[in-house]
C-alpha atoms as a PDB file:
ATOM      1  CA  UNK A   1     212.487 124.545  92.830  1.00  0.00           C
ATOM      2  CA  UNK A   2     214.725 127.536  93.381  1.00  0.00           C
ATOM      3  CA  UNK A   3     215.677 128.757  89.898  1.00  0.00           C
ATOM      4  CA  UNK A   4     216.989 132.293  89.462  1.00  0.00           C
ATOM      5  CA  UNK A   5     218.714 132.309  86.075  1.00  0.00           C
ATOM      6  CA  UNK A   6     217.790 131.626  82.468  1.00  0.00           C
ATOM      7  CA  UNK A   7     219.784 130.822  79.370  1.00  0.00           C
ATOM      8  CA  UNK A   8     218.153 131.761  76.060  1.00  0.00           C
ATOM      9  CA  UNK A   9     219.175 129.402  73.263  1.00  0.00           C
ATOM     10  CA  UNK A  10     217.840 130.202  69.801  1.00  0.00           C
ATOM     11  CA  UNK A  11     218.142 129.967  66.053  1.00  0.00           C
ATOM     12  CA  UNK A  12     216.571 133.198  64.806  1.00  0.00           C
ATOM     13  CA  UNK A  13     217.585 134.556  61.366  1.00  0.00           C
ATOM     14  CA  UNK A  14     215.074 137.449  61.387  1.00  0.00           C
ATOM     15  CA  UNK A  15     215.271 137.936  65.191  1.00  0.00           C
ATOM     16  CA  UNK A  16     211.554 137.156  65.637  1.00  0.00           C
ATOM     17  CA  UNK A  17     212.100 134.014  67.700  1.00  0.00           C
ATOM     18  CA  UNK A  18     214.674 135.846  69.788  1.00  0.00           C
ATOM     19  CA  UNK A  19     212.206 138.661  70.487  1.00  0.00           C
ATOM     20  CA  UNK A  20     209.566 136.251  71.752  1.00  0.00           C
ATOM     21  CA  UNK A  21     211.776 134.187  74.025  1.00  0.00           C
ATOM     22  CA  UNK A  22     213.340 137.357  75.442  1.00  0.00           C
ATOM     23  CA  UNK A  23     209.854 138.503  76.401  1.00  0.00           C
ATOM     24  CA  UNK A  24     209.093 135.139  77.995  1.00  0.00           C
ATOM     25  CA  UNK A  25     212.332 135.511  79.959  1.00  0.00           C
ATOM     26  CA  UNK A  26     211.306 138.981  81.155  1.00  0.00           C
ATOM     27  CA  UNK A  27     208.154 137.432  82.585  1.00  0.00           C
ATOM     28  CA  UNK A  28     210.281 135.047  84.633  1.00  0.00           C
ATOM     29  CA  UNK A  29     211.726 138.047  86.527  1.00  0.00           C
ATOM     30  CA  UNK A  30     215.136 136.378  86.812  1.00  0.00           C
ATOM     31  CA  UNK A  31     218.118 138.569  87.632  1.00  0.00           C
ATOM     32  CA  UNK A  32     220.517 136.618  85.422  1.00  0.00           C
ATOM     33  CA  UNK A  33     219.766 136.013  81.724  1.00  0.00           C
ATOM     34  CA  UNK A  34     222.357 134.740  79.265  1.00  0.00           C
ATOM     35  CA  UNK A  35     222.111 134.383  75.478  1.00  0.00           C
ATOM     36  CA  UNK A  36     223.346 131.534  73.291  1.00  0.00           C
ATOM     37  CA  UNK A  37     222.705 132.584  69.688  1.00  0.00           C
ATOM     38  CA  UNK A  38     222.944 129.603  67.340  1.00  0.00           C
ATOM     39  CA  UNK A  39     222.047 131.613  64.242  1.00  0.00           C
ATOM     40  CA  UNK A  40     225.442 132.600  62.921  1.00  0.00           C
ATOM     41  CA  UNK A  41     227.561 130.059  61.012  1.00  0.00           C
ATOM     42  CA  UNK A  42     230.451 128.600  62.948  1.00  0.00           C
ATOM     43  CA  UNK A  43     228.855 129.188  66.348  1.00  0.00           C
ATOM     44  CA  UNK A  44     230.597 127.198  69.071  1.00  0.00           C
ATOM     45  CA  UNK A  45     228.011 125.964  71.548  1.00  0.00           C
ATOM     46  CA  UNK A  46     229.127 122.717  73.155  1.00  0.00           C
ATOM     47  CA  UNK A  47     230.891 124.135  76.202  1.00  0.00           C
ATOM     48  CA  UNK A  48     228.794 127.220  76.859  1.00  0.00           C
ATOM     49  CA  UNK A  49     225.505 125.332  76.542  1.00  0.00           C
ATOM     50  CA  UNK A  50     226.275 122.902  79.354  1.00  0.00           C
ATOM     51  CA  UNK A  51     223.909 123.909  82.156  1.00  0.00           C
ATOM     52  CA  UNK A  52     224.070 122.621  85.697  1.00  0.00           C
ATOM     53  CA  UNK A  53     221.372 124.873  87.157  1.00  0.00           C
ATOM     54  CA  UNK A  54     218.893 127.465  85.966  1.00  0.00           C
ATOM     55  CA  UNK A  55     216.288 127.240  83.210  1.00  0.00           C
ATOM     56  CA  UNK A  56     216.848 127.021  79.449  1.00  0.00           C
ATOM     57  CA  UNK A  57     214.467 128.656  76.974  1.00  0.00           C
ATOM     58  CA  UNK A  58     215.060 127.108  73.561  1.00  0.00           C
ATOM     59  CA  UNK A  59     213.462 128.569  70.431  1.00  0.00           C
ATOM     60  CA  UNK A  60     213.415 128.118  66.666  1.00  0.00           C
ATOM     61  CA  UNK A  61     211.238 129.154  63.710  1.00  0.00           C
ATOM     62  CA  UNK A  62     208.988 126.791  61.759  1.00  0.00           C
ATOM     63  CA  UNK A  63     209.704 126.175  58.069  1.00  0.00           C
ATOM     64  CA  UNK A  64     206.969 124.185  56.334  1.00  0.00           C
ATOM     65  CA  UNK A  65     205.765 122.558  59.552  1.00  0.00           C
ATOM     66  CA  UNK A  66     209.253 121.419  60.611  1.00  0.00           C
ATOM     67  CA  UNK A  67     212.343 122.875  62.252  1.00  0.00           C
ATOM     68  CA  UNK A  68     214.964 124.306  59.877  1.00  0.00           C
ATOM     69  CA  UNK A  69     217.623 121.708  59.100  1.00  0.00           C
ATOM     70  CA  UNK A  70     220.350 124.151  60.146  1.00  0.00           C
ATOM     71  CA  UNK A  71     218.639 124.725  63.495  1.00  0.00           C
ATOM     72  CA  UNK A  72     218.430 120.983  64.121  1.00  0.00           C
ATOM     73  CA  UNK A  73     222.129 120.424  63.414  1.00  0.00           C
ATOM     74  CA  UNK A  74     223.151 123.228  65.777  1.00  0.00           C
ATOM     75  CA  UNK A  75     220.737 122.274  68.543  1.00  0.00           C
ATOM     76  CA  UNK A  76     222.149 118.754  68.460  1.00  0.00           C
ATOM     77  CA  UNK A  77     225.450 120.133  69.771  1.00  0.00           C
ATOM     78  CA  UNK A  78     223.847 121.070  73.091  1.00  0.00           C
ATOM     79  CA  UNK A  79     224.292 119.189  76.348  1.00  0.00           C
ATOM     80  CA  UNK A  80     221.405 119.670  78.752  1.00  0.00           C
ATOM     81  CA  UNK A  81     222.595 117.717  81.794  1.00  0.00           C
ATOM     82  CA  UNK A  82     219.029 117.421  83.083  1.00  0.00           C
ATOM     83  CA  UNK A  83     218.346 121.172  82.924  1.00  0.00           C
ATOM     84  CA  UNK A  84     214.648 122.133  82.829  1.00  0.00           C
ATOM     85  CA  UNK A  85     213.751 123.704  79.501  1.00  0.00           C
ATOM     86  CA  UNK A  86     210.959 125.738  77.961  1.00  0.00           C
ATOM     87  CA  UNK A  87     210.646 125.093  74.227  1.00  0.00           C
ATOM     88  CA  UNK A  88     209.215 127.611  71.770  1.00  0.00           C
ATOM     89  CA  UNK A  89     208.486 127.546  68.046  1.00  0.00           C
ATOM     90  CA  UNK A  90     207.441 130.531  65.947  1.00  0.00           C
ATOM     91  CA  UNK A  91     205.383 130.152  62.778  1.00  0.00           C
ATOM     92  CA  UNK A  92     203.883 132.460  60.164  1.00  0.00           C
ATOM     93  CA  UNK A  93     200.153 132.073  60.952  1.00  0.00           C
ATOM     94  CA  UNK A  94     199.644 128.914  58.849  1.00  0.00           C
ATOM     95  CA  UNK A  95     200.438 125.949  61.150  1.00  0.00           C
ATOM     96  CA  UNK A  96     203.312 124.663  63.251  1.00  0.00           C
ATOM     97  CA  UNK A  97     202.404 121.029  62.518  1.00  0.00           C
ATOM     98  CA  UNK A  98     205.203 118.742  63.801  1.00  0.00           C
ATOM     99  CA  UNK A  99     207.777 121.408  64.688  1.00  0.00           C
ATOM    100  CA  UNK A 100     206.991 121.639  68.402  1.00  0.00           C
ATOM    101  CA  UNK A 101     207.061 117.861  68.813  1.00  0.00           C
ATOM    102  CA  UNK A 102     210.323 117.750  66.871  1.00  0.00           C
ATOM    103  CA  UNK A 103     211.832 120.373  69.181  1.00  0.00           C
ATOM    104  CA  UNK A 104     210.641 118.532  72.278  1.00  0.00           C
ATOM    105  CA  UNK A 105     212.204 115.302  71.060  1.00  0.00           C
ATOM    106  CA  UNK A 106     215.401 117.118  70.151  1.00  0.00           C
ATOM    107  CA  UNK A 107     215.882 118.692  73.587  1.00  0.00           C
ATOM    108  CA  UNK A 108     215.086 115.388  75.272  1.00  0.00           C
ATOM    109  CA  UNK A 109     217.770 113.760  73.128  1.00  0.00           C
ATOM    110  CA  UNK A 110     220.188 116.509  74.219  1.00  0.00           C
ATOM    111  CA  UNK A 111     219.530 115.779  77.893  1.00  0.00           C
ATOM    112  CA  UNK A 112     217.168 118.629  78.803  1.00  0.00           C
ATOM    113  CA  UNK A 113     213.921 118.172  80.750  1.00  0.00           C
ATOM    114  CA  UNK A 114     211.135 120.048  78.899  1.00  0.00           C
ATOM    115  CA  UNK A 115     208.670 121.560  81.382  1.00  0.00           C
ATOM    116  CA  UNK A 116     206.645 123.932  79.184  1.00  0.00           C
ATOM    117  CA  UNK A 117     206.131 124.704  75.507  1.00  0.00           C
ATOM    118  CA  UNK A 118     204.725 127.450  73.355  1.00  0.00           C
ATOM    119  CA  UNK A 119     203.868 128.047  69.699  1.00  0.00           C
ATOM    120  CA  UNK A 120     203.835 131.758  68.846  1.00  0.00           C
ATOM    121  CA  UNK A 121     203.123 133.660  65.650  1.00  0.00           C
ATOM    122  CA  UNK A 122     205.624 135.873  63.857  1.00  0.00           C
ATOM    123  CA  UNK A 123     205.638 137.676  60.537  1.00  0.00           C
ATOM    124  CA  UNK A 124     206.209 135.115  57.794  1.00  0.00           C
ATOM    125  CA  UNK A 125     209.556 135.217  56.013  1.00  0.00           C
ATOM    126  CA  UNK A 126     207.745 135.617  52.675  1.00  0.00           C
ATOM    127  CA  UNK A 127     205.566 138.495  53.891  1.00  0.00           C
ATOM    128  CA  UNK A 128     205.797 141.685  51.823  1.00  0.00           C
ATOM    129  CA  UNK A 129     203.678 144.816  51.434  1.00  0.00           C
ATOM    130  CA  UNK A 130     202.015 143.173  48.418  1.00  0.00           C
ATOM    131  CA  UNK A 131     201.487 139.797  50.146  1.00  0.00           C
ATOM    132  CA  UNK A 132     201.221 140.406  53.914  1.00  0.00           C
ATOM    133  CA  UNK A 133     201.392 137.228  56.026  1.00  0.00           C
ATOM    134  CA  UNK A 134     201.067 137.846  59.762  1.00  0.00           C
ATOM    135  CA  UNK A 135     202.575 141.274  59.109  1.00  0.00           C
ATOM    136  CA  UNK A 136     203.765 143.024  62.247  1.00  0.00           C
ATOM    137  CA  UNK A 137     203.593 139.917  64.422  1.00  0.00           C
ATOM    138  CA  UNK A 138     204.508 139.471  67.176  1.00  0.00           C
ATOM    139  CA  UNK A 139     202.510 142.555  68.149  1.00  0.00           C
ATOM    140  CA  UNK A 140     201.793 144.108  71.557  1.00  0.00           C
ATOM    141  CA  UNK A 141     199.163 141.475  72.347  1.00  0.00           C
ATOM    142  CA  UNK A 142     201.581 138.660  71.495  1.00  0.00           C
ATOM    143  CA  UNK A 143     204.199 140.251  73.747  1.00  0.00           C
ATOM    144  CA  UNK A 144     201.766 140.452  76.645  1.00  0.00           C
ATOM    145  CA  UNK A 145     200.947 136.771  76.168  1.00  0.00           C
ATOM    146  CA  UNK A 146     204.639 135.843  76.075  1.00  0.00           C
ATOM    147  CA  UNK A 147     205.326 137.824  79.237  1.00  0.00           C
ATOM    148  CA  UNK A 148     202.427 136.166  81.031  1.00  0.00           C
ATOM    149  CA  UNK A 149     203.649 132.772  79.848  1.00  0.00           C
ATOM    150  CA  UNK A 150     206.952 133.525  81.572  1.00  0.00           C
ATOM    151  CA  UNK A 151     205.125 134.370  84.792  1.00  0.00           C
ATOM    152  CA  UNK A 152     203.154 131.132  84.562  1.00  0.00           C
ATOM    153  CA  UNK A 153     206.349 129.144  84.188  1.00  0.00           C
ATOM    154  CA  UNK A 154     207.952 130.947  87.134  1.00  0.00           C
ATOM    155  CA  UNK A 155     205.015 130.096  89.400  1.00  0.00           C
ATOM    156  CA  UNK A 156     204.994 126.502  88.273  1.00  0.00           C
ATOM    157  CA  UNK A 157     208.679 126.058  88.947  1.00  0.00           C
ATOM    158  CA  UNK A 158     208.373 127.711  92.380  1.00  0.00           C
ATOM    159  CA  UNK A 159     205.660 125.198  93.274  1.00  0.00           C
ATOM    160  CA  UNK A 160     207.573 122.192  91.971  1.00  0.00           C
ATOM    161  CA  UNK A 161     209.807 120.328  94.416  1.00  0.00           C
ATOM    162  CA  UNK A 162     211.520 118.104  91.879  1.00  0.00           C
ATOM    163  CA  UNK A 163     211.528 117.556  88.135  1.00  0.00           C
ATOM    164  CA  UNK A 164     211.057 113.857  88.824  1.00  0.00           C
ATOM    165  CA  UNK A 165     207.570 114.600  90.102  1.00  0.00           C
ATOM    166  CA  UNK A 166     206.453 116.369  86.926  1.00  0.00           C
ATOM    167  CA  UNK A 167     204.460 114.604  84.250  1.00  0.00           C
ATOM    168  CA  UNK A 168     206.171 114.310  80.821  1.00  0.00           C
ATOM    169  CA  UNK A 169     205.396 117.327  78.644  1.00  0.00           C
ATOM    170  CA  UNK A 170     202.825 116.567  75.936  1.00  0.00           C
ATOM    171  CA  UNK A 171     202.677 118.688  72.775  1.00  0.00           C
ATOM    172  CA  UNK A 172     200.817 118.387  69.443  1.00  0.00           C
ATOM    173  CA  UNK A 173     202.436 116.745  66.453  1.00  0.00           C
ATOM    174  CA  UNK A 174     202.822 113.491  64.581  1.00  0.00           C
ATOM    175  CA  UNK A 175     205.582 110.916  64.572  1.00  0.00           C
ATOM    176  CA  UNK A 176     207.078 110.201  62.133  1.00  0.00           C
ATOM    177  CA  UNK A 177     207.239 113.909  61.315  1.00  0.00           C
ATOM    178  CA  UNK A 178     205.934 115.238  58.033  1.00  0.00           C
ATOM    179  CA  UNK A 179     208.401 114.948  55.162  1.00  0.00           C
ATOM    180  CA  UNK A 180     210.535 118.022  54.613  1.00  0.00           C
ATOM    181  CA  UNK A 181     209.528 119.678  51.345  1.00  0.00           C
ATOM    182  CA  UNK A 182     211.893 122.625  51.001  1.00  0.00           C
ATOM    183  CA  UNK A 183     212.710 124.214  47.651  1.00  0.00           C
ATOM    184  CA  UNK A 184     216.168 123.636  46.209  1.00  0.00           C
ATOM    185  CA  UNK A 185     218.131 125.891  43.898  1.00  0.00           C
ATOM    186  CA  UNK A 186     216.354 129.029  45.103  1.00  0.00           C
ATOM    187  CA  UNK A 187     217.722 132.122  46.826  1.00  0.00           C
ATOM    188  CA  UNK A 188     217.027 135.814  47.128  1.00  0.00           C
ATOM    189  CA  UNK A 189     218.400 138.043  44.400  1.00  0.00           C
ATOM    190  CA  UNK A 190     220.042 141.456  44.532  1.00  0.00           C
ATOM    191  CA  UNK A 191     219.463 144.512  42.371  1.00  0.00           C
ATOM    192  CA  UNK A 192     223.042 145.621  41.856  1.00  0.00           C
ATOM    193  CA  UNK A 193     222.016 149.177  40.956  1.00  0.00           C
ATOM    194  CA  UNK A 194     220.419 149.641  44.381  1.00  0.00           C
ATOM    195  CA  UNK A 195     222.961 147.720  46.452  1.00  0.00           C
ATOM    196  CA  UNK A 196     225.063 149.929  48.766  1.00  0.00           C
ATOM    197  CA  UNK A 197     227.671 147.178  49.425  1.00  0.00           C
ATOM    198  CA  UNK A 198     227.097 147.633  53.168  1.00  0.00           C
ATOM    199  CA  UNK A 199     227.486 143.850  53.693  1.00  0.00           C
ATOM    200  CA  UNK A 200     224.606 143.695  56.170  1.00  0.00           C
ATOM    201  CA  UNK A 201     223.043 140.889  54.140  1.00  0.00           C
ATOM    202  CA  UNK A 202     226.195 138.798  54.476  1.00  0.00           C
ATOM    203  CA  UNK A 203     226.461 139.523  58.192  1.00  0.00           C
ATOM    204  CA  UNK A 204     222.956 138.181  58.974  1.00  0.00           C
ATOM    205  CA  UNK A 205     222.992 135.132  56.687  1.00  0.00           C
ATOM    206  CA  UNK A 206     222.891 132.015  58.919  1.00  0.00           C
ATOM    207  CA  UNK A 207     224.639 129.816  56.341  1.00  0.00           C
ATOM    208  CA  UNK A 208     227.251 132.267  54.967  1.00  0.00           C
ATOM    209  CA  UNK A 209     225.610 131.979  51.555  1.00  0.00           C
ATOM    210  CA  UNK A 210     226.243 135.623  50.596  1.00  0.00           C
ATOM    211  CA  UNK A 211     229.552 137.084  49.401  1.00  0.00           C
ATOM    212  CA  UNK A 212     229.995 140.812  48.841  1.00  0.00           C
ATOM    213  CA  UNK A 213     232.911 141.778  46.628  1.00  0.00           C
ATOM    214  CA  UNK A 214     232.864 143.622  43.296  1.00  0.00           C
ATOM    215  CA  UNK A 215     229.551 141.803  42.795  1.00  0.00           C
ATOM    216  CA  UNK A 216     227.161 140.311  45.338  1.00  0.00           C
ATOM    217  CA  UNK A 217     226.706 136.559  44.977  1.00  0.00           C
ATOM    218  CA  UNK A 218     224.428 134.102  46.777  1.00  0.00           C
ATOM    219  CA  UNK A 219     225.061 130.370  46.939  1.00  0.00           C
ATOM    220  CA  UNK A 220     221.690 128.815  46.125  1.00  0.00           C
ATOM    221  CA  UNK A 221     222.830 125.419  47.373  1.00  0.00           C
ATOM    222  CA  UNK A 222     223.103 126.587  50.991  1.00  0.00           C
ATOM    223  CA  UNK A 223     220.471 129.373  51.112  1.00  0.00           C
ATOM    224  CA  UNK A 224     217.636 128.352  53.482  1.00  0.00           C
ATOM    225  CA  UNK A 225     215.140 130.980  52.281  1.00  0.00           C
ATOM    226  CA  UNK A 226     214.915 132.578  55.748  1.00  0.00           C
ATOM    227  CA  UNK A 227     214.800 136.041  54.103  1.00  0.00           C
ATOM    228  CA  UNK A 228     216.974 137.596  56.799  1.00  0.00           C
ATOM    229  CA  UNK A 229     218.921 139.360  54.060  1.00  0.00           C
ATOM    230  CA  UNK A 230     215.725 140.666  52.446  1.00  0.00           C
ATOM    231  CA  UNK A 231     214.312 142.049  55.686  1.00  0.00           C
ATOM    232  CA  UNK A 232     217.662 143.507  56.771  1.00  0.00           C
ATOM    233  CA  UNK A 233     218.500 145.371  53.554  1.00  0.00           C
ATOM    234  CA  UNK A 234     217.941 149.070  54.267  1.00  0.00           C
ATOM    235  CA  UNK A 235     217.737 150.073  50.592  1.00  0.00           C
ATOM    236  CA  UNK A 236     215.409 147.323  49.367  1.00  0.00           C
ATOM    237  CA  UNK A 237     218.005 145.798  47.074  1.00  0.00           C
ATOM    238  CA  UNK A 238     217.197 142.153  47.916  1.00  0.00           C
ATOM    239  CA  UNK A 239     214.007 140.231  47.184  1.00  0.00           C
ATOM    240  CA  UNK A 240     212.655 136.746  46.507  1.00  0.00           C
ATOM    241  CA  UNK A 241     211.819 136.645  42.815  1.00  0.00           C
ATOM    242  CA  UNK A 242     211.450 132.920  42.124  1.00  0.00           C
ATOM    243  CA  UNK A 243     207.892 132.254  40.833  1.00  0.00           C
ATOM    244  CA  UNK A 244     207.424 129.389  43.298  1.00  0.00           C
ATOM    245  CA  UNK A 245     208.174 131.671  46.241  1.00  0.00           C
ATOM    246  CA  UNK A 246     205.881 134.382  44.902  1.00  0.00           C
ATOM    247  CA  UNK A 247     203.056 131.891  44.359  1.00  0.00           C
ATOM    248  CA  UNK A 248     203.516 130.498  47.868  1.00  0.00           C
ATOM    249  CA  UNK A 249     203.420 134.011  49.319  1.00  0.00           C
ATOM    250  CA  UNK A 250     200.231 134.854  47.422  1.00  0.00           C
ATOM    251  CA  UNK A 251     198.581 131.627  48.559  1.00  0.00           C
ATOM    252  CA  UNK A 252     199.550 132.120  52.192  1.00  0.00           C
ATOM    253  CA  UNK A 253     198.476 135.761  52.174  1.00  0.00           C
ATOM    254  CA  UNK A 254     195.090 134.854  50.709  1.00  0.00           C
ATOM    255  CA  UNK A 255     194.286 131.724  52.715  1.00  0.00           C
ATOM    256  CA  UNK A 256     195.705 132.502  56.151  1.00  0.00           C
ATOM    257  CA  UNK A 257     194.470 135.980  56.964  1.00  0.00           C
ATOM    258  CA  UNK A 258     192.520 134.996  60.053  1.00  0.00           C
ATOM    259  CA  UNK A 259     194.535 135.793  63.126  1.00  0.00           C
ATOM    260  CA  UNK A 260     195.865 132.805  65.067  1.00  0.00           C
ATOM    261  CA  UNK A 261     196.788 133.068  68.711  1.00  0.00           C
ATOM    262  CA  UNK A 262     199.728 131.606  70.644  1.00  0.00           C
ATOM    263  CA  UNK A 263     199.301 128.140  72.131  1.00  0.00           C
ATOM    264  CA  UNK A 264     200.956 127.185  75.417  1.00  0.00           C
ATOM    265  CA  UNK A 265     201.461 123.832  77.098  1.00  0.00           C
ATOM    266  CA  UNK A 266     202.504 123.360  80.721  1.00  0.00           C
END
């Protein structure tokens, strides 16, 4: 198949998923690469996501072994029109469980044709200096693997005459998917004395949960605990202080220190 363009479609609050799928795209050596960022609230995707040629690379992070609910709702707006797609999930060195299968099923439902899949490791949202969890990932080795994955996909597509001749993509996971077990009524908190009122936290929040006025407020009901605001704050004014989050971070840091490597399926 003669494919010379790629469209990168992603939900990536901390930009980790974006970084990985960009590197995969670089390995494809395509001249034309377009971005469709689903992260920001109010993103309009229906029209611009309709693909009639080229390759889609669709990525999302893993939260508790599943896709984030917000990512699912935004991905469901896509129209694939039979476009071949590479699907990618990024997890924090624990396990991706049913997330990759969920993403495969989601893109099939949207009309894409998944041809390859990858599960990569990124620094966990709860990672801190005190409780490091896959700190610094993806690193240089991960980036080399992602680039090579792109080259593998390019060669496979060059040697494929028709999508109809390809076997259905098989990925790990269980159906029905594991039950979502997210925490409710929890959000990051701000130390007002440190806060510079720069509004960067509000600008990166994927659910518009943060309001910066005379005081900085966070709507716990819509916060998804992605920690984009925490990792973006240049003065260290935001943090996750809820005991349940801290205990989870300590447990993950202690029990999942052994380095896991990306998994790829073609």
